[in-house]
């Protein structure tokens, strides 16, 4: 099937373009509110226009880029009101993902969750923000893999970039990294122990904390 093989390199280039641009947006190399052209993004990635255009369409679906007809592209602003709506959605999706992971994880995956719980507790003591972000990303990937539900995985992946960007902007203001890491450890412990009810409860406690942090740290007047 030569036609199928011909598509494979472009698909890989599209994924590479997406990963490069998503990381640039999340880590503020492309700050919120930036107006930019498709050609500039192609030059930034060193990848051709067609894969970059496909990556832009995906980023637009994930609300990280706005496509302005005849006017170019805009990196979306960070709005606290939208972040709170995102947390509503994350609560329901992540509860399902975490409880499913607690039901379906393999022994090897449960061992990895136990290791992540210990890693989160170590990071809580060290207050290493960069390492926490890496561990959090690993934890999210492990949850999606263990839940084994392609529909929740697709929906949750569309929210990860927005969530990571918000955290990247605000985490240095937060004195509560130890608490955040400890709450992640509790969820990881529940999944490692096949505690389905506990996974749901600890996930709710984590989202409660994130919502409280969002309101108090970013909206100090409530």
C-alpha atoms as a PDB file:
ATOM      1  CA  UNK A   1       0.000   0.000   0.000  1.00  0.00           C
ATOM      2  CA  UNK A   2       2.334   2.764  -1.207  1.00  0.00           C
ATOM      3  CA  UNK A   3      -0.285   5.448  -0.623  1.00  0.00           C
ATOM      4  CA  UNK A   4      -0.494   4.570   3.084  1.00  0.00           C
ATOM      5  CA  UNK A   5       3.292   4.600   3.443  1.00  0.00           C
ATOM      6  CA  UNK A   6       3.450   7.983   1.775  1.00  0.00           C
ATOM      7  CA  UNK A   7       1.176   9.391   4.455  1.00  0.00           C
ATOM      8  CA  UNK A   8       3.312   8.192   7.375  1.00  0.00           C
ATOM      9  CA  UNK A   9       6.114  10.800   7.155  1.00  0.00           C
ATOM     10  CA  UNK A  10       3.620  13.691   6.977  1.00  0.00           C
ATOM     11  CA  UNK A  11       1.703  12.321   9.956  1.00  0.00           C
ATOM     12  CA  UNK A  12       4.936  12.192  11.962  1.00  0.00           C
ATOM     13  CA  UNK A  13       5.808  15.730  10.886  1.00  0.00           C
ATOM     14  CA  UNK A  14       2.349  16.931  11.933  1.00  0.00           C
ATOM     15  CA  UNK A  15       2.829  15.351  15.379  1.00  0.00           C
ATOM     16  CA  UNK A  16       6.268  16.918  15.693  1.00  0.00           C
ATOM     17  CA  UNK A  17       4.947  20.334  14.653  1.00  0.00           C
ATOM     18  CA  UNK A  18       2.092  20.015  17.161  1.00  0.00           C
ATOM     19  CA  UNK A  19       4.385  18.986  20.027  1.00  0.00           C
ATOM     20  CA  UNK A  20       6.833  21.821  19.287  1.00  0.00           C
ATOM     21  CA  UNK A  21       4.168  24.514  19.038  1.00  0.00           C
ATOM     22  CA  UNK A  22       2.132  23.237  22.012  1.00  0.00           C
ATOM     23  CA  UNK A  23       5.236  23.310  24.205  1.00  0.00           C
ATOM     24  CA  UNK A  24       6.087  26.836  23.010  1.00  0.00           C
ATOM     25  CA  UNK A  25       2.581  28.044  23.893  1.00  0.00           C
ATOM     26  CA  UNK A  26       2.381  26.248  27.245  1.00  0.00           C
ATOM     27  CA  UNK A  27       5.814  27.481  28.385  1.00  0.00           C
ATOM     28  CA  UNK A  28       5.059  31.046  27.200  1.00  0.00           C
ATOM     29  CA  UNK A  29       7.694  31.192  24.474  1.00  0.00           C
ATOM     30  CA  UNK A  30       4.604  32.235  22.515  1.00  0.00           C
ATOM     31  CA  UNK A  31       2.859  34.408  25.140  1.00  0.00           C
ATOM     32  CA  UNK A  32      -0.927  34.814  25.426  1.00  0.00           C
ATOM     33  CA  UNK A  33      -2.251  37.474  23.076  1.00  0.00           C
ATOM     34  CA  UNK A  34       0.557  37.095  20.537  1.00  0.00           C
ATOM     35  CA  UNK A  35      -0.495  37.648  16.925  1.00  0.00           C
ATOM     36  CA  UNK A  36       1.512  35.404  14.604  1.00  0.00           C
ATOM     37  CA  UNK A  37       1.479  34.030  11.090  1.00  0.00           C
ATOM     38  CA  UNK A  38       1.436  30.480   9.822  1.00  0.00           C
ATOM     39  CA  UNK A  39       4.721  31.138   8.032  1.00  0.00           C
ATOM     40  CA  UNK A  40       6.363  32.291  11.269  1.00  0.00           C
ATOM     41  CA  UNK A  41       5.319  29.056  12.979  1.00  0.00           C
ATOM     42  CA  UNK A  42       6.625  27.036  10.051  1.00  0.00           C
ATOM     43  CA  UNK A  43       9.945  28.893  10.299  1.00  0.00           C
ATOM     44  CA  UNK A  44      10.016  28.322  14.077  1.00  0.00           C
ATOM     45  CA  UNK A  45       9.574  24.569  13.731  1.00  0.00           C
ATOM     46  CA  UNK A  46      11.592  24.107  10.554  1.00  0.00           C
ATOM     47  CA  UNK A  47       8.701  22.003   9.239  1.00  0.00           C
ATOM     48  CA  UNK A  48       6.734  22.525   6.030  1.00  0.00           C
ATOM     49  CA  UNK A  49       3.525  24.508   5.789  1.00  0.00           C
ATOM     50  CA  UNK A  50       1.127  21.560   5.392  1.00  0.00           C
ATOM     51  CA  UNK A  51       2.091  19.699   8.618  1.00  0.00           C
ATOM     52  CA  UNK A  52       2.208  23.030  10.481  1.00  0.00           C
ATOM     53  CA  UNK A  53      -1.244  23.957   9.164  1.00  0.00           C
ATOM     54  CA  UNK A  54      -2.604  20.620  10.421  1.00  0.00           C
ATOM     55  CA  UNK A  55      -0.950  21.188  13.807  1.00  0.00           C
ATOM     56  CA  UNK A  56      -2.530  24.658  13.984  1.00  0.00           C
ATOM     57  CA  UNK A  57      -5.964  23.170  13.375  1.00  0.00           C
ATOM     58  CA  UNK A  58      -5.416  20.800  16.317  1.00  0.00           C
ATOM     59  CA  UNK A  59      -4.212  23.627  18.568  1.00  0.00           C
ATOM     60  CA  UNK A  60      -7.282  25.637  17.590  1.00  0.00           C
ATOM     61  CA  UNK A  61      -9.541  22.744  18.621  1.00  0.00           C
ATOM     62  CA  UNK A  62      -7.714  22.729  21.965  1.00  0.00           C
ATOM     63  CA  UNK A  63      -8.327  26.489  22.435  1.00  0.00           C
ATOM     64  CA  UNK A  64      -4.637  27.406  22.407  1.00  0.00           C
ATOM     65  CA  UNK A  65      -4.785  29.238  19.067  1.00  0.00           C
ATOM     66  CA  UNK A  66      -7.529  31.282  17.418  1.00  0.00           C
ATOM     67  CA  UNK A  67      -7.582  31.296  13.625  1.00  0.00           C
ATOM     68  CA  UNK A  68      -8.575  34.754  12.348  1.00  0.00           C
ATOM     69  CA  UNK A  69      -9.722  34.489   8.722  1.00  0.00           C
ATOM     70  CA  UNK A  70      -7.608  36.699   6.455  1.00  0.00           C
ATOM     71  CA  UNK A  71      -5.778  38.084   9.516  1.00  0.00           C
ATOM     72  CA  UNK A  72      -3.532  35.290  10.761  1.00  0.00           C
ATOM     73  CA  UNK A  73      -3.387  33.580  14.131  1.00  0.00           C
ATOM     74  CA  UNK A  74      -3.707  34.630  17.767  1.00  0.00           C
ATOM     75  CA  UNK A  75      -2.384  32.819  20.828  1.00  0.00           C
ATOM     76  CA  UNK A  76      -5.363  32.700  23.178  1.00  0.00           C
ATOM     77  CA  UNK A  77      -5.433  34.754  26.362  1.00  0.00           C
ATOM     78  CA  UNK A  78      -5.526  33.081  29.777  1.00  0.00           C
ATOM     79  CA  UNK A  79      -8.862  33.808  31.420  1.00  0.00           C
ATOM     80  CA  UNK A  80      -9.591  32.735  34.982  1.00  0.00           C
ATOM     81  CA  UNK A  81     -13.304  32.368  34.246  1.00  0.00           C
ATOM     82  CA  UNK A  82     -12.473  29.854  31.495  1.00  0.00           C
ATOM     83  CA  UNK A  83     -10.029  28.085  33.786  1.00  0.00           C
ATOM     84  CA  UNK A  84     -12.788  27.557  36.352  1.00  0.00           C
ATOM     85  CA  UNK A  85     -15.048  26.112  33.646  1.00  0.00           C
ATOM     86  CA  UNK A  86     -12.194  23.880  32.571  1.00  0.00           C
ATOM     87  CA  UNK A  87     -11.884  22.625  36.162  1.00  0.00           C
ATOM     88  CA  UNK A  88     -15.575  21.685  36.153  1.00  0.00           C
ATOM     89  CA  UNK A  89     -14.947  19.549  33.102  1.00  0.00           C
ATOM     90  CA  UNK A  90     -11.681  18.135  34.419  1.00  0.00           C
ATOM     91  CA  UNK A  91     -13.344  17.029  37.651  1.00  0.00           C
ATOM     92  CA  UNK A  92     -15.825  14.767  35.869  1.00  0.00           C
ATOM     93  CA  UNK A  93     -13.380  13.437  33.286  1.00  0.00           C
ATOM     94  CA  UNK A  94     -10.519  12.866  35.700  1.00  0.00           C
ATOM     95  CA  UNK A  95     -12.742  11.162  38.264  1.00  0.00           C
ATOM     96  CA  UNK A  96     -13.762   8.667  35.569  1.00  0.00           C
ATOM     97  CA  UNK A  97     -10.168   8.268  34.402  1.00  0.00           C
ATOM     98  CA  UNK A  98      -8.775   7.747  37.914  1.00  0.00           C
ATOM     99  CA  UNK A  99     -11.482   5.321  39.033  1.00  0.00           C
ATOM    100  CA  UNK A 100     -11.091   3.393  35.771  1.00  0.00           C
ATOM    101  CA  UNK A 101      -7.335   3.289  36.288  1.00  0.00           C
ATOM    102  CA  UNK A 102      -7.866   1.932  39.805  1.00  0.00           C
ATOM    103  CA  UNK A 103     -10.056  -0.840  38.318  1.00  0.00           C
ATOM    104  CA  UNK A 104      -7.994  -1.720  35.249  1.00  0.00           C
ATOM    105  CA  UNK A 105      -4.327  -1.004  35.923  1.00  0.00           C
ATOM    106  CA  UNK A 106      -1.928  -3.878  35.370  1.00  0.00           C
ATOM    107  CA  UNK A 107       0.440  -4.973  38.146  1.00  0.00           C
ATOM    108  CA  UNK A 108       3.284  -3.130  36.403  1.00  0.00           C
ATOM    109  CA  UNK A 109       1.190   0.031  36.168  1.00  0.00           C
ATOM    110  CA  UNK A 110       0.222  -0.209  39.844  1.00  0.00           C
ATOM    111  CA  UNK A 111       3.899  -0.450  40.711  1.00  0.00           C
ATOM    112  CA  UNK A 112       4.552   2.703  38.679  1.00  0.00           C
ATOM    113  CA  UNK A 113       1.761   4.537  40.526  1.00  0.00           C
ATOM    114  CA  UNK A 114       3.311   3.493  43.841  1.00  0.00           C
ATOM    115  CA  UNK A 115       6.650   4.891  42.627  1.00  0.00           C
ATOM    116  CA  UNK A 116       4.973   8.124  41.549  1.00  0.00           C
ATOM    117  CA  UNK A 117       3.364   8.479  44.989  1.00  0.00           C
ATOM    118  CA  UNK A 118       6.809   8.311  46.572  1.00  0.00           C
ATOM    119  CA  UNK A 119       8.179  10.728  43.993  1.00  0.00           C
ATOM    120  CA  UNK A 120       5.415  13.254  44.732  1.00  0.00           C
ATOM    121  CA  UNK A 121       6.157  13.014  48.456  1.00  0.00           C
ATOM    122  CA  UNK A 122       9.855  13.602  47.807  1.00  0.00           C
ATOM    123  CA  UNK A 123       9.011  16.629  45.657  1.00  0.00           C
ATOM    124  CA  UNK A 124       6.718  17.926  48.401  1.00  0.00           C
ATOM    125  CA  UNK A 125       9.724  17.995  50.725  1.00  0.00           C
ATOM    126  CA  UNK A 126      12.079  19.509  48.157  1.00  0.00           C
ATOM    127  CA  UNK A 127       9.557  21.964  46.622  1.00  0.00           C
ATOM    128  CA  UNK A 128      11.029  21.455  43.142  1.00  0.00           C
ATOM    129  CA  UNK A 129       8.483  23.047  40.792  1.00  0.00           C
ATOM    130  CA  UNK A 130      10.089  21.971  37.522  1.00  0.00           C
ATOM    131  CA  UNK A 131      10.430  18.369  38.644  1.00  0.00           C
ATOM    132  CA  UNK A 132       6.840  18.444  39.890  1.00  0.00           C
ATOM    133  CA  UNK A 133       5.601  19.496  36.444  1.00  0.00           C
ATOM    134  CA  UNK A 134       7.461  16.580  34.872  1.00  0.00           C
ATOM    135  CA  UNK A 135       6.083  14.118  37.439  1.00  0.00           C
ATOM    136  CA  UNK A 136       2.589  15.496  36.964  1.00  0.00           C
ATOM    137  CA  UNK A 137       2.832  14.962  33.211  1.00  0.00           C
ATOM    138  CA  UNK A 138       4.018  11.380  33.762  1.00  0.00           C
ATOM    139  CA  UNK A 139       1.163  10.807  36.226  1.00  0.00           C
ATOM    140  CA  UNK A 140      -1.395  12.065  33.683  1.00  0.00           C
ATOM    141  CA  UNK A 141       0.004   9.769  30.988  1.00  0.00           C
ATOM    142  CA  UNK A 142      -0.035   6.789  33.350  1.00  0.00           C
ATOM    143  CA  UNK A 143      -3.657   7.483  34.296  1.00  0.00           C
ATOM    144  CA  UNK A 144      -4.741   7.640  30.652  1.00  0.00           C
ATOM    145  CA  UNK A 145      -2.897   4.432  29.813  1.00  0.00           C
ATOM    146  CA  UNK A 146      -4.272   2.526  32.816  1.00  0.00           C
ATOM    147  CA  UNK A 147      -7.866   3.704  32.299  1.00  0.00           C
ATOM    148  CA  UNK A 148      -7.857   2.165  28.805  1.00  0.00           C
ATOM    149  CA  UNK A 149     -10.699   4.341  27.505  1.00  0.00           C
ATOM    150  CA  UNK A 150      -9.918   6.071  24.187  1.00  0.00           C
ATOM    151  CA  UNK A 151     -12.898   8.410  24.502  1.00  0.00           C
ATOM    152  CA  UNK A 152     -11.939   9.905  27.855  1.00  0.00           C
ATOM    153  CA  UNK A 153      -8.313   9.978  26.715  1.00  0.00           C
ATOM    154  CA  UNK A 154      -9.180  12.044  23.648  1.00  0.00           C
ATOM    155  CA  UNK A 155     -11.310  14.462  25.679  1.00  0.00           C
ATOM    156  CA  UNK A 156      -8.722  14.837  28.440  1.00  0.00           C
ATOM    157  CA  UNK A 157      -5.805  15.407  26.096  1.00  0.00           C
ATOM    158  CA  UNK A 158      -7.638  18.384  24.646  1.00  0.00           C
ATOM    159  CA  UNK A 159      -7.557  20.016  28.114  1.00  0.00           C
ATOM    160  CA  UNK A 160      -3.974  19.234  29.122  1.00  0.00           C
ATOM    161  CA  UNK A 161      -2.354  22.150  27.286  1.00  0.00           C
ATOM    162  CA  UNK A 162      -4.665  24.747  28.809  1.00  0.00           C
ATOM    163  CA  UNK A 163      -4.177  23.287  32.282  1.00  0.00           C
ATOM    164  CA  UNK A 164      -0.384  23.121  31.963  1.00  0.00           C
ATOM    165  CA  UNK A 165      -0.142  26.679  30.634  1.00  0.00           C
ATOM    166  CA  UNK A 166      -2.197  28.065  33.526  1.00  0.00           C
ATOM    167  CA  UNK A 167      -0.010  26.227  36.017  1.00  0.00           C
ATOM    168  CA  UNK A 168       3.170  27.375  34.248  1.00  0.00           C
ATOM    169  CA  UNK A 169       2.054  31.017  34.515  1.00  0.00           C
ATOM    170  CA  UNK A 170       1.029  30.916  38.156  1.00  0.00           C
ATOM    171  CA  UNK A 171       2.975  28.170  39.965  1.00  0.00           C
ATOM    172  CA  UNK A 172       5.837  30.459  41.054  1.00  0.00           C
ATOM    173  CA  UNK A 173       3.305  32.549  42.976  1.00  0.00           C
ATOM    174  CA  UNK A 174       2.105  29.538  44.931  1.00  0.00           C
ATOM    175  CA  UNK A 175       3.443  28.640  48.366  1.00  0.00           C
ATOM    176  CA  UNK A 176       1.333  25.455  48.251  1.00  0.00           C
ATOM    177  CA  UNK A 177       3.413  23.126  46.076  1.00  0.00           C
ATOM    178  CA  UNK A 178       3.952  20.674  48.983  1.00  0.00           C
ATOM    179  CA  UNK A 179       0.186  20.368  49.433  1.00  0.00           C
ATOM    180  CA  UNK A 180      -0.371  19.955  45.700  1.00  0.00           C
ATOM    181  CA  UNK A 181       2.262  17.214  45.506  1.00  0.00           C
ATOM    182  CA  UNK A 182       0.866  15.434  48.561  1.00  0.00           C
ATOM    183  CA  UNK A 183      -2.639  15.384  47.062  1.00  0.00           C
ATOM    184  CA  UNK A 184      -1.242  13.872  43.866  1.00  0.00           C
ATOM    185  CA  UNK A 185       0.459  11.225  46.006  1.00  0.00           C
ATOM    186  CA  UNK A 186      -2.883  10.308  47.570  1.00  0.00           C
ATOM    187  CA  UNK A 187      -4.484   9.719  44.168  1.00  0.00           C
ATOM    188  CA  UNK A 188      -1.492   7.669  43.015  1.00  0.00           C
ATOM    189  CA  UNK A 189      -1.682   5.570  46.212  1.00  0.00           C
ATOM    190  CA  UNK A 190      -5.376   4.853  45.631  1.00  0.00           C
ATOM    191  CA  UNK A 191      -4.792   3.721  42.047  1.00  0.00           C
ATOM    192  CA  UNK A 192      -1.789   1.619  43.089  1.00  0.00           C
ATOM    193  CA  UNK A 193      -3.961  -0.066  45.713  1.00  0.00           C
ATOM    194  CA  UNK A 194      -6.936  -0.702  43.391  1.00  0.00           C
ATOM    195  CA  UNK A 195      -9.058   1.499  45.656  1.00  0.00           C
ATOM    196  CA  UNK A 196     -11.731   2.669  43.215  1.00  0.00           C
ATOM    197  CA  UNK A 197     -13.748   4.676  45.747  1.00  0.00           C
ATOM    198  CA  UNK A 198     -10.579   6.174  47.197  1.00  0.00           C
ATOM    199  CA  UNK A 199      -9.381   7.212  43.734  1.00  0.00           C
ATOM    200  CA  UNK A 200     -12.593   9.187  43.219  1.00  0.00           C
ATOM    201  CA  UNK A 201     -12.437  10.832  46.642  1.00  0.00           C
ATOM    202  CA  UNK A 202      -8.767  11.782  46.439  1.00  0.00           C
ATOM    203  CA  UNK A 203      -9.238  13.156  42.921  1.00  0.00           C
ATOM    204  CA  UNK A 204     -12.114  15.331  44.165  1.00  0.00           C
ATOM    205  CA  UNK A 205      -9.889  16.608  46.983  1.00  0.00           C
ATOM    206  CA  UNK A 206      -7.172  17.470  44.450  1.00  0.00           C
ATOM    207  CA  UNK A 207      -9.558  19.373  42.160  1.00  0.00           C
ATOM    208  CA  UNK A 208     -11.077  21.148  45.195  1.00  0.00           C
ATOM    209  CA  UNK A 209      -7.598  22.350  46.115  1.00  0.00           C
ATOM    210  CA  UNK A 210      -6.778  23.484  42.564  1.00  0.00           C
ATOM    211  CA  UNK A 211     -10.065  25.373  42.348  1.00  0.00           C
ATOM    212  CA  UNK A 212      -9.473  27.002  45.739  1.00  0.00           C
ATOM    213  CA  UNK A 213      -5.939  27.979  44.667  1.00  0.00           C
ATOM    214  CA  UNK A 214      -7.241  29.427  41.405  1.00  0.00           C
ATOM    215  CA  UNK A 215      -9.787  31.571  43.204  1.00  0.00           C
ATOM    216  CA  UNK A 216      -7.526  32.726  46.038  1.00  0.00           C
ATOM    217  CA  UNK A 217      -4.209  33.195  44.225  1.00  0.00           C
ATOM    218  CA  UNK A 218      -5.524  34.584  40.970  1.00  0.00           C
ATOM    219  CA  UNK A 219      -8.756  36.158  42.177  1.00  0.00           C
ATOM    220  CA  UNK A 220      -7.762  37.333  45.661  1.00  0.00           C
ATOM    221  CA  UNK A 221     -11.019  39.249  46.071  1.00  0.00           C
ATOM    222  CA  UNK A 222     -13.041  36.077  45.502  1.00  0.00           C
END
